[in-house]
Amino acid sequence: MPSYPHTSPLSPDRRAFESLVVLSHLLEATLDRRTQADAGMAHAHYAVLALVYGAPGHRMRLKTLSEELRFSPSRLSHAMTRLERLGLIERVDSEARGKSWDAVLTPAGIATVRRVAPLQMRAVRQPLLAVLDDDEVAQLGDIATKLIARLEAADDPIG
């Protein structure tokens, strides 16, 4: 594993930090490669489809979608434009509020998620989760949930 320059054995904190950074980069790269191969799009764009797919009626307010994905409005707008051009999603007037918009999957978008979702899970399960036992998978889920909550609770998680 690549590591930052050091002269002594890594402390447990340093080892965890470096492992987490490398893991996050490798996982994102793996998912992006797999999504390109399986769906012909960036993983971030597939994530938009997958999240809307899980919403009631395959419909979600753009503001909620942006918050759930942790996307800036401009990043979400870019993804929506690309997905609309592919015929996978539409922007429609929100049923909930006057001047807001919803994302709605088209039949092609629904079919794409149904086809790609099992492939995405396999892309994570085979190289990663398969090497862990059931208790370790549960621990990983608990640890990830705790870390996500910590990062989301902090205005500046680094500072």
N, C-alpha and C. Protein backbone atom coordinates (compact mmCIF):
# COMPACT_ATOMS: atom_id res chain seq x y z
N MET A 1 0.85 -1.17 0.00
CA MET A 1 0.00 0.00 0.00
C MET A 1 0.89 1.23 0.00
N PRO A 2 0.59 2.22 -0.86
CA PRO A 2 1.38 3.45 -0.82
C PRO A 2 1.17 4.13 0.52
N SER A 3 2.20 4.74 1.02
CA SER A 3 2.05 5.42 2.31
C SER A 3 2.79 6.74 2.27
N TYR A 4 2.45 7.55 3.22
CA TYR A 4 3.10 8.84 3.35
C TYR A 4 4.48 8.63 3.96
N PRO A 5 5.42 9.53 3.71
CA PRO A 5 6.77 9.35 4.25
C PRO A 5 6.76 9.27 5.78
N HIS A 6 7.45 8.30 6.29
CA HIS A 6 7.59 8.16 7.74
C HIS A 6 8.87 7.38 8.02
N THR A 7 9.34 7.51 9.24
CA THR A 7 10.60 6.84 9.58
C THR A 7 10.40 5.75 10.62
N SER A 8 9.26 5.70 11.24
CA SER A 8 9.03 4.68 12.26
C SER A 8 7.80 3.87 11.89
N PRO A 9 7.59 2.74 12.59
CA PRO A 9 6.40 1.95 12.30
C PRO A 9 5.14 2.81 12.48
N LEU A 10 4.14 2.48 11.70
CA LEU A 10 2.91 3.26 11.75
C LEU A 10 2.16 3.05 13.06
N SER A 11 1.66 4.13 13.62
CA SER A 11 0.80 4.02 14.78
C SER A 11 -0.54 3.45 14.31
N PRO A 12 -1.33 2.90 15.22
CA PRO A 12 -2.65 2.38 14.81
C PRO A 12 -3.51 3.45 14.13
N ASP A 13 -3.48 4.69 14.63
CA ASP A 13 -4.26 5.76 14.00
C ASP A 13 -3.77 6.04 12.58
N ARG A 14 -2.47 6.11 12.40
CA ARG A 14 -1.89 6.40 11.09
C ARG A 14 -2.19 5.26 10.11
N ARG A 15 -2.07 4.04 10.58
CA ARG A 15 -2.37 2.88 9.74
C ARG A 15 -3.83 2.89 9.32
N ALA A 16 -4.72 3.18 10.26
CA ALA A 16 -6.15 3.23 9.95
C ALA A 16 -6.43 4.35 8.95
N PHE A 17 -5.82 5.51 9.17
CA PHE A 17 -6.01 6.64 8.27
C PHE A 17 -5.58 6.29 6.85
N GLU A 18 -4.36 5.79 6.71
CA GLU A 18 -3.85 5.48 5.38
C GLU A 18 -4.68 4.39 4.71
N SER A 19 -5.07 3.38 5.47
CA SER A 19 -5.89 2.31 4.91
C SER A 19 -7.25 2.83 4.45
N LEU A 20 -7.85 3.70 5.24
CA LEU A 20 -9.15 4.25 4.89
C LEU A 20 -9.08 5.11 3.63
N VAL A 21 -8.03 5.91 3.52
CA VAL A 21 -7.86 6.75 2.33
C VAL A 21 -7.68 5.89 1.08
N VAL A 22 -6.82 4.90 1.15
CA VAL A 22 -6.58 4.03 0.00
C VAL A 22 -7.85 3.24 -0.33
N LEU A 23 -8.51 2.69 0.68
CA LEU A 23 -9.75 1.95 0.46
C LEU A 23 -10.80 2.81 -0.24
N SER A 24 -10.98 4.03 0.22
CA SER A 24 -12.00 4.88 -0.39
C SER A 24 -11.68 5.17 -1.85
N HIS A 25 -10.42 5.42 -2.16
CA HIS A 25 -10.03 5.66 -3.55
C HIS A 25 -10.21 4.41 -4.42
N LEU A 26 -9.77 3.26 -3.91
CA LEU A 26 -9.89 2.03 -4.68
C LEU A 26 -11.35 1.64 -4.90
N LEU A 27 -12.18 1.80 -3.88
CA LEU A 27 -13.59 1.45 -4.00
C LEU A 27 -14.27 2.36 -5.02
N GLU A 28 -14.02 3.65 -4.95
CA GLU A 28 -14.62 4.58 -5.92
C GLU A 28 -14.16 4.26 -7.33
N ALA A 29 -12.88 3.98 -7.51
CA ALA A 29 -12.36 3.65 -8.85
C ALA A 29 -12.97 2.34 -9.36
N THR A 30 -13.10 1.36 -8.49
CA THR A 30 -13.69 0.08 -8.89
C THR A 30 -15.15 0.26 -9.30
N LEU A 31 -15.91 0.98 -8.49
CA LEU A 31 -17.32 1.21 -8.83
C LEU A 31 -17.45 2.02 -10.11
N ASP A 32 -16.59 2.99 -10.30
CA ASP A 32 -16.68 3.80 -11.51
C ASP A 32 -16.37 2.94 -12.75
N ARG A 33 -15.33 2.11 -12.67
CA ARG A 33 -15.00 1.22 -13.79
C ARG A 33 -16.14 0.26 -14.09
N ARG A 34 -16.67 -0.34 -13.03
CA ARG A 34 -17.76 -1.32 -13.20
C ARG A 34 -18.99 -0.63 -13.79
N THR A 35 -19.33 0.55 -13.30
CA THR A 35 -20.52 1.24 -13.78
C THR A 35 -20.34 1.66 -15.23
N GLN A 36 -19.15 2.10 -15.60
CA GLN A 36 -18.88 2.42 -17.00
C GLN A 36 -19.10 1.18 -17.87
N ALA A 37 -18.58 0.04 -17.42
CA ALA A 37 -18.70 -1.20 -18.19
C ALA A 37 -20.15 -1.70 -18.22
N ASP A 38 -20.84 -1.62 -17.09
CA ASP A 38 -22.19 -2.20 -16.98
C ASP A 38 -23.30 -1.29 -17.47
N ALA A 39 -23.11 0.04 -17.31
CA ALA A 39 -24.19 0.97 -17.63
C ALA A 39 -23.78 2.06 -18.61
N GLY A 40 -22.50 2.15 -18.93
CA GLY A 40 -22.04 3.18 -19.86
C GLY A 40 -22.12 4.58 -19.30
N MET A 41 -21.96 4.71 -17.99
CA MET A 41 -22.02 6.03 -17.36
C MET A 41 -21.15 6.04 -16.12
N ALA A 42 -20.86 7.24 -15.63
CA ALA A 42 -20.11 7.41 -14.39
C ALA A 42 -20.92 6.85 -13.22
N HIS A 43 -20.21 6.35 -12.22
CA HIS A 43 -20.89 5.82 -11.04
C HIS A 43 -21.75 6.89 -10.37
N ALA A 44 -21.29 8.11 -10.33
CA ALA A 44 -22.07 9.19 -9.70
C ALA A 44 -23.41 9.38 -10.41
N HIS A 45 -23.44 9.20 -11.71
CA HIS A 45 -24.71 9.33 -12.45
C HIS A 45 -25.61 8.14 -12.17
N TYR A 46 -25.03 6.95 -12.08
CA TYR A 46 -25.83 5.78 -11.72
C TYR A 46 -26.40 5.94 -10.31
N ALA A 47 -25.64 6.53 -9.41
CA ALA A 47 -26.12 6.74 -8.04
C ALA A 47 -27.39 7.59 -8.02
N VAL A 48 -27.49 8.56 -8.92
CA VAL A 48 -28.71 9.36 -9.04
C VAL A 48 -29.88 8.44 -9.39
N LEU A 49 -29.69 7.61 -10.41
CA LEU A 49 -30.76 6.70 -10.82
C LEU A 49 -31.16 5.75 -9.69
N ALA A 50 -30.17 5.18 -9.02
CA ALA A 50 -30.45 4.20 -7.97
C ALA A 50 -31.22 4.83 -6.81
N LEU A 51 -30.86 6.05 -6.44
CA LEU A 51 -31.56 6.71 -5.33
C LEU A 51 -33.00 7.04 -5.71
N VAL A 52 -33.22 7.54 -6.90
CA VAL A 52 -34.58 7.85 -7.35
C VAL A 52 -35.38 6.56 -7.48
N TYR A 53 -34.74 5.50 -7.94
CA TYR A 53 -35.42 4.21 -8.06
C TYR A 53 -36.01 3.77 -6.72
N GLY A 54 -35.29 4.01 -5.64
CA GLY A 54 -35.74 3.58 -4.32
C GLY A 54 -36.81 4.46 -3.70
N ALA A 55 -37.11 5.58 -4.33
CA ALA A 55 -38.13 6.50 -3.79
C ALA A 55 -39.52 6.05 -4.25
N PRO A 56 -40.54 6.42 -3.47
CA PRO A 56 -41.91 6.07 -3.87
C PRO A 56 -42.24 6.59 -5.27
N GLY A 57 -42.74 5.70 -6.10
CA GLY A 57 -43.10 6.06 -7.46
C GLY A 57 -41.91 6.38 -8.34
N HIS A 58 -40.70 6.02 -7.90
CA HIS A 58 -39.46 6.34 -8.62
C HIS A 58 -39.40 7.83 -8.91
N ARG A 59 -39.76 8.62 -7.88
CA ARG A 59 -39.84 10.08 -8.01
C ARG A 59 -39.28 10.71 -6.74
N MET A 60 -38.45 11.77 -6.90
CA MET A 60 -37.85 12.42 -5.74
C MET A 60 -37.60 13.90 -6.05
N ARG A 61 -37.82 14.74 -5.04
CA ARG A 61 -37.52 16.18 -5.20
C ARG A 61 -36.02 16.34 -5.44
N LEU A 62 -35.67 17.26 -6.33
CA LEU A 62 -34.26 17.49 -6.63
C LEU A 62 -33.49 17.95 -5.40
N LYS A 63 -34.10 18.77 -4.57
CA LYS A 63 -33.42 19.23 -3.35
C LYS A 63 -33.09 18.04 -2.45
N THR A 64 -34.03 17.14 -2.28
CA THR A 64 -33.80 15.95 -1.46
C THR A 64 -32.73 15.07 -2.09
N LEU A 65 -32.79 14.91 -3.39
CA LEU A 65 -31.80 14.10 -4.10
C LEU A 65 -30.40 14.67 -3.91
N SER A 66 -30.28 15.97 -4.05
CA SER A 66 -28.99 16.64 -3.86
C SER A 66 -28.46 16.42 -2.44
N GLU A 67 -29.33 16.54 -1.46
CA GLU A 67 -28.92 16.35 -0.06
C GLU A 67 -28.52 14.91 0.21
N GLU A 68 -29.30 13.96 -0.28
CA GLU A 68 -29.01 12.54 -0.04
C GLU A 68 -27.68 12.11 -0.67
N LEU A 69 -27.40 12.63 -1.86
CA LEU A 69 -26.18 12.26 -2.56
C LEU A 69 -24.97 13.10 -2.15
N ARG A 70 -25.25 14.16 -1.38
CA ARG A 70 -24.20 15.12 -0.99
C ARG A 70 -23.61 15.78 -2.24
N PHE A 71 -24.47 16.08 -3.21
CA PHE A 71 -24.10 16.75 -4.45
C PHE A 71 -24.42 18.23 -4.34
N SER A 72 -23.57 19.07 -4.88
CA SER A 72 -23.91 20.49 -5.00
C SER A 72 -25.02 20.60 -6.04
N PRO A 73 -25.79 21.70 -6.01
CA PRO A 73 -26.82 21.87 -7.03
C PRO A 73 -26.27 21.80 -8.46
N SER A 74 -25.09 22.37 -8.68
CA SER A 74 -24.54 22.34 -10.04
C SER A 74 -24.13 20.92 -10.45
N ARG A 75 -23.59 20.15 -9.51
CA ARG A 75 -23.21 18.77 -9.83
C ARG A 75 -24.45 17.95 -10.16
N LEU A 76 -25.52 18.13 -9.37
CA LEU A 76 -26.75 17.41 -9.65
C LEU A 76 -27.33 17.84 -10.99
N SER A 77 -27.31 19.12 -11.28
CA SER A 77 -27.83 19.62 -12.56
C SER A 77 -27.08 18.99 -13.73
N HIS A 78 -25.76 18.90 -13.62
CA HIS A 78 -24.96 18.27 -14.67
C HIS A 78 -25.36 16.81 -14.85
N ALA A 79 -25.49 16.08 -13.74
CA ALA A 79 -25.87 14.67 -13.81
C ALA A 79 -27.26 14.51 -14.41
N MET A 80 -28.18 15.35 -13.98
CA MET A 80 -29.55 15.28 -14.51
C MET A 80 -29.57 15.53 -16.02
N THR A 81 -28.82 16.52 -16.46
CA THR A 81 -28.78 16.83 -17.90
C THR A 81 -28.27 15.63 -18.68
N ARG A 82 -27.21 15.01 -18.20
CA ARG A 82 -26.66 13.84 -18.88
C ARG A 82 -27.67 12.69 -18.90
N LEU A 83 -28.31 12.43 -17.77
CA LEU A 83 -29.26 11.33 -17.68
C LEU A 83 -30.52 11.60 -18.51
N GLU A 84 -30.93 12.86 -18.59
CA GLU A 84 -32.06 13.22 -19.44
C GLU A 84 -31.72 12.96 -20.91
N ARG A 85 -30.51 13.32 -21.31
CA ARG A 85 -30.09 13.08 -22.71
C ARG A 85 -30.07 11.59 -23.04
N LEU A 86 -29.79 10.77 -22.05
CA LEU A 86 -29.80 9.32 -22.25
C LEU A 86 -31.21 8.74 -22.18
N GLY A 87 -32.20 9.57 -21.84
CA GLY A 87 -33.58 9.11 -21.76
C GLY A 87 -33.89 8.28 -20.53
N LEU A 88 -33.11 8.47 -19.44
CA LEU A 88 -33.27 7.65 -18.24
C LEU A 88 -34.03 8.34 -17.12
N ILE A 89 -34.13 9.66 -17.19
CA ILE A 89 -34.75 10.41 -16.10
C ILE A 89 -35.37 11.68 -16.69
N GLU A 90 -36.37 12.21 -15.99
CA GLU A 90 -37.00 13.46 -16.41
C GLU A 90 -37.10 14.39 -15.22
N ARG A 91 -37.06 15.68 -15.49
CA ARG A 91 -37.36 16.71 -14.49
C ARG A 91 -38.79 17.15 -14.73
N VAL A 92 -39.60 17.08 -13.67
CA VAL A 92 -41.00 17.49 -13.78
C VAL A 92 -41.34 18.41 -12.62
N ASP A 93 -42.39 19.21 -12.79
CA ASP A 93 -42.85 20.06 -11.70
C ASP A 93 -43.15 19.19 -10.49
N SER A 94 -42.76 19.68 -9.32
CA SER A 94 -42.98 18.93 -8.09
C SER A 94 -44.46 18.93 -7.74
N GLU A 95 -44.92 17.80 -7.25
CA GLU A 95 -46.29 17.71 -6.76
C GLU A 95 -46.41 18.36 -5.39
N ALA A 96 -45.29 18.46 -4.68
CA ALA A 96 -45.30 18.94 -3.31
C ALA A 96 -45.29 20.46 -3.21
N ARG A 97 -44.56 21.14 -4.08
CA ARG A 97 -44.39 22.59 -3.98
C ARG A 97 -44.44 23.23 -5.36
N GLY A 98 -44.78 24.50 -5.35
CA GLY A 98 -44.94 25.24 -6.59
C GLY A 98 -43.72 25.35 -7.46
N LYS A 99 -42.62 25.89 -6.95
CA LYS A 99 -41.47 26.19 -7.80
C LYS A 99 -40.32 25.21 -7.63
N SER A 100 -40.60 24.00 -7.29
CA SER A 100 -39.53 23.01 -7.18
C SER A 100 -39.74 21.92 -8.23
N TRP A 101 -38.71 21.14 -8.40
CA TRP A 101 -38.70 20.11 -9.43
C TRP A 101 -38.47 18.74 -8.81
N ASP A 102 -39.01 17.74 -9.46
CA ASP A 102 -38.78 16.35 -9.08
C ASP A 102 -38.02 15.65 -10.19
N ALA A 103 -37.27 14.64 -9.81
CA ALA A 103 -36.65 13.73 -10.76
C ALA A 103 -37.53 12.49 -10.82
N VAL A 104 -37.85 12.04 -12.03
CA VAL A 104 -38.68 10.85 -12.22
C VAL A 104 -37.98 9.93 -13.21
N LEU A 105 -37.87 8.67 -12.83
CA LEU A 105 -37.25 7.72 -13.75
C LEU A 105 -38.19 7.41 -14.90
N THR A 106 -37.62 7.29 -16.08
CA THR A 106 -38.37 6.82 -17.23
C THR A 106 -38.38 5.29 -17.19
N PRO A 107 -39.19 4.65 -18.02
CA PRO A 107 -39.12 3.18 -18.08
C PRO A 107 -37.70 2.68 -18.39
N ALA A 108 -36.98 3.39 -19.25
CA ALA A 108 -35.59 2.99 -19.55
C ALA A 108 -34.70 3.14 -18.31
N GLY A 109 -34.94 4.17 -17.50
CA GLY A 109 -34.18 4.36 -16.27
C GLY A 109 -34.44 3.24 -15.27
N ILE A 110 -35.72 2.86 -15.15
CA ILE A 110 -36.08 1.76 -14.25
C ILE A 110 -35.41 0.47 -14.71
N ALA A 111 -35.45 0.20 -16.01
CA ALA A 111 -34.82 -1.01 -16.54
C ALA A 111 -33.31 -0.99 -16.32
N THR A 112 -32.69 0.17 -16.44
CA THR A 112 -31.24 0.27 -16.22
C THR A 112 -30.89 -0.07 -14.79
N VAL A 113 -31.62 0.48 -13.83
CA VAL A 113 -31.33 0.18 -12.42
C VAL A 113 -31.54 -1.30 -12.14
N ARG A 114 -32.62 -1.85 -12.64
CA ARG A 114 -32.88 -3.28 -12.39
C ARG A 114 -31.80 -4.18 -12.99
N ARG A 115 -31.23 -3.77 -14.09
CA ARG A 115 -30.18 -4.56 -14.73
C ARG A 115 -28.83 -4.37 -14.03
N VAL A 116 -28.52 -3.14 -13.61
CA VAL A 116 -27.18 -2.82 -13.10
C VAL A 116 -27.05 -3.07 -11.60
N ALA A 117 -28.11 -2.93 -10.83
CA ALA A 117 -28.02 -3.06 -9.36
C ALA A 117 -27.37 -4.37 -8.91
N PRO A 118 -27.76 -5.52 -9.45
CA PRO A 118 -27.09 -6.76 -9.01
C PRO A 118 -25.60 -6.78 -9.38
N LEU A 119 -25.26 -6.18 -10.50
CA LEU A 119 -23.86 -6.12 -10.92
C LEU A 119 -23.05 -5.23 -9.98
N GLN A 120 -23.65 -4.13 -9.52
CA GLN A 120 -22.98 -3.24 -8.58
C GLN A 120 -22.73 -3.96 -7.26
N MET A 121 -23.73 -4.67 -6.78
CA MET A 121 -23.57 -5.39 -5.51
C MET A 121 -22.48 -6.44 -5.64
N ARG A 122 -22.47 -7.14 -6.76
CA ARG A 122 -21.43 -8.14 -6.99
C ARG A 122 -20.05 -7.50 -7.05
N ALA A 123 -19.97 -6.29 -7.59
CA ALA A 123 -18.67 -5.59 -7.68
C ALA A 123 -18.11 -5.26 -6.31
N VAL A 124 -18.96 -5.14 -5.31
CA VAL A 124 -18.51 -4.88 -3.94
C VAL A 124 -18.39 -6.19 -3.16
N ARG A 125 -19.35 -7.07 -3.33
CA ARG A 125 -19.38 -8.31 -2.54
C ARG A 125 -18.18 -9.20 -2.83
N GLN A 126 -17.90 -9.45 -4.10
CA GLN A 126 -16.83 -10.40 -4.43
C GLN A 126 -15.45 -9.96 -3.94
N PRO A 127 -15.00 -8.76 -4.26
CA PRO A 127 -13.63 -8.42 -3.84
C PRO A 127 -13.53 -7.98 -2.39
N LEU A 128 -14.61 -7.51 -1.78
CA LEU A 128 -14.50 -6.95 -0.44
C LEU A 128 -15.24 -7.75 0.61
N LEU A 129 -16.55 -7.79 0.51
CA LEU A 129 -17.33 -8.39 1.58
C LEU A 129 -17.12 -9.90 1.70
N ALA A 130 -16.76 -10.55 0.61
CA ALA A 130 -16.55 -12.00 0.64
C ALA A 130 -15.37 -12.41 1.50
N VAL A 131 -14.42 -11.50 1.74
CA VAL A 131 -13.27 -11.85 2.58
C VAL A 131 -13.55 -11.63 4.06
N LEU A 132 -14.73 -11.11 4.38
CA LEU A 132 -15.11 -10.86 5.76
C LEU A 132 -16.15 -11.88 6.20
N ASP A 133 -16.11 -12.24 7.49
CA ASP A 133 -17.18 -13.11 7.99
C ASP A 133 -18.39 -12.25 8.35
N ASP A 134 -19.49 -12.87 8.72
CA ASP A 134 -20.74 -12.14 8.98
C ASP A 134 -20.58 -11.09 10.08
N ASP A 135 -19.84 -11.43 11.13
CA ASP A 135 -19.62 -10.46 12.22
C ASP A 135 -18.81 -9.26 11.72
N GLU A 136 -17.80 -9.50 10.90
CA GLU A 136 -16.99 -8.41 10.37
C GLU A 136 -17.80 -7.51 9.43
N VAL A 137 -18.68 -8.12 8.63
CA VAL A 137 -19.55 -7.31 7.76
C VAL A 137 -20.44 -6.42 8.61
N ALA A 138 -21.01 -6.97 9.67
CA ALA A 138 -21.86 -6.17 10.57
C ALA A 138 -21.05 -5.06 11.24
N GLN A 139 -19.84 -5.37 11.68
CA GLN A 139 -18.97 -4.37 12.29
C GLN A 139 -18.62 -3.27 11.29
N LEU A 140 -18.30 -3.66 10.06
CA LEU A 140 -17.99 -2.68 9.02
C LEU A 140 -19.17 -1.74 8.81
N GLY A 141 -20.37 -2.28 8.74
CA GLY A 141 -21.56 -1.45 8.60
C GLY A 141 -21.73 -0.49 9.76
N ASP A 142 -21.52 -0.99 10.98
CA ASP A 142 -21.65 -0.14 12.16
C ASP A 142 -20.60 0.97 12.17
N ILE A 143 -19.37 0.61 11.85
CA ILE A 143 -18.28 1.60 11.84
C ILE A 143 -18.53 2.65 10.76
N ALA A 144 -18.90 2.20 9.57
CA ALA A 144 -19.16 3.14 8.48
C ALA A 144 -20.30 4.09 8.85
N THR A 145 -21.35 3.58 9.45
CA THR A 145 -22.49 4.41 9.85
C THR A 145 -22.05 5.46 10.87
N LYS A 146 -21.24 5.05 11.83
CA LYS A 146 -20.74 5.98 12.84
C LYS A 146 -19.87 7.07 12.22
N LEU A 147 -18.99 6.69 11.30
CA LEU A 147 -18.11 7.67 10.66
C LEU A 147 -18.89 8.64 9.77
N ILE A 148 -19.86 8.13 9.05
CA ILE A 148 -20.70 8.98 8.21
C ILE A 148 -21.44 10.00 9.07
N ALA A 149 -22.03 9.54 10.15
CA ALA A 149 -22.75 10.45 11.05
C ALA A 149 -21.83 11.53 11.60
N ARG A 150 -20.61 11.16 11.95
CA ARG A 150 -19.64 12.13 12.48
C ARG A 150 -19.29 13.17 11.43
N LEU A 151 -19.01 12.74 10.22
CA LEU A 151 -18.67 13.67 9.16
C LEU A 151 -19.84 14.59 8.80
N GLU A 152 -21.04 14.05 8.80
CA GLU A 152 -22.20 14.88 8.47
C GLU A 152 -22.56 15.84 9.58
N ALA A 153 -22.24 15.52 10.81
CA ALA A 153 -22.59 16.37 11.95
C ALA A 153 -21.65 17.57 12.07
N ALA A 154 -20.45 17.46 11.52
CA ALA A 154 -19.45 18.50 11.68
C ALA A 154 -19.54 19.48 10.50
N ASP A 155 -19.51 20.77 10.81
CA ASP A 155 -19.46 21.78 9.76
C ASP A 155 -18.16 21.66 8.99
N ASP A 156 -17.08 21.45 9.73
CA ASP A 156 -15.76 21.27 9.14
C ASP A 156 -15.14 20.04 9.80
N PRO A 157 -15.43 18.83 9.25
CA PRO A 157 -14.98 17.61 9.91
C PRO A 157 -13.46 17.50 10.04
N ILE A 158 -12.74 18.24 9.24
CA ILE A 158 -11.29 18.18 9.31
C ILE A 158 -10.76 19.08 10.42
N GLY A 159 -11.41 20.21 10.60
CA GLY A 159 -10.92 21.22 11.55
C GLY A 159 -11.29 21.04 12.92
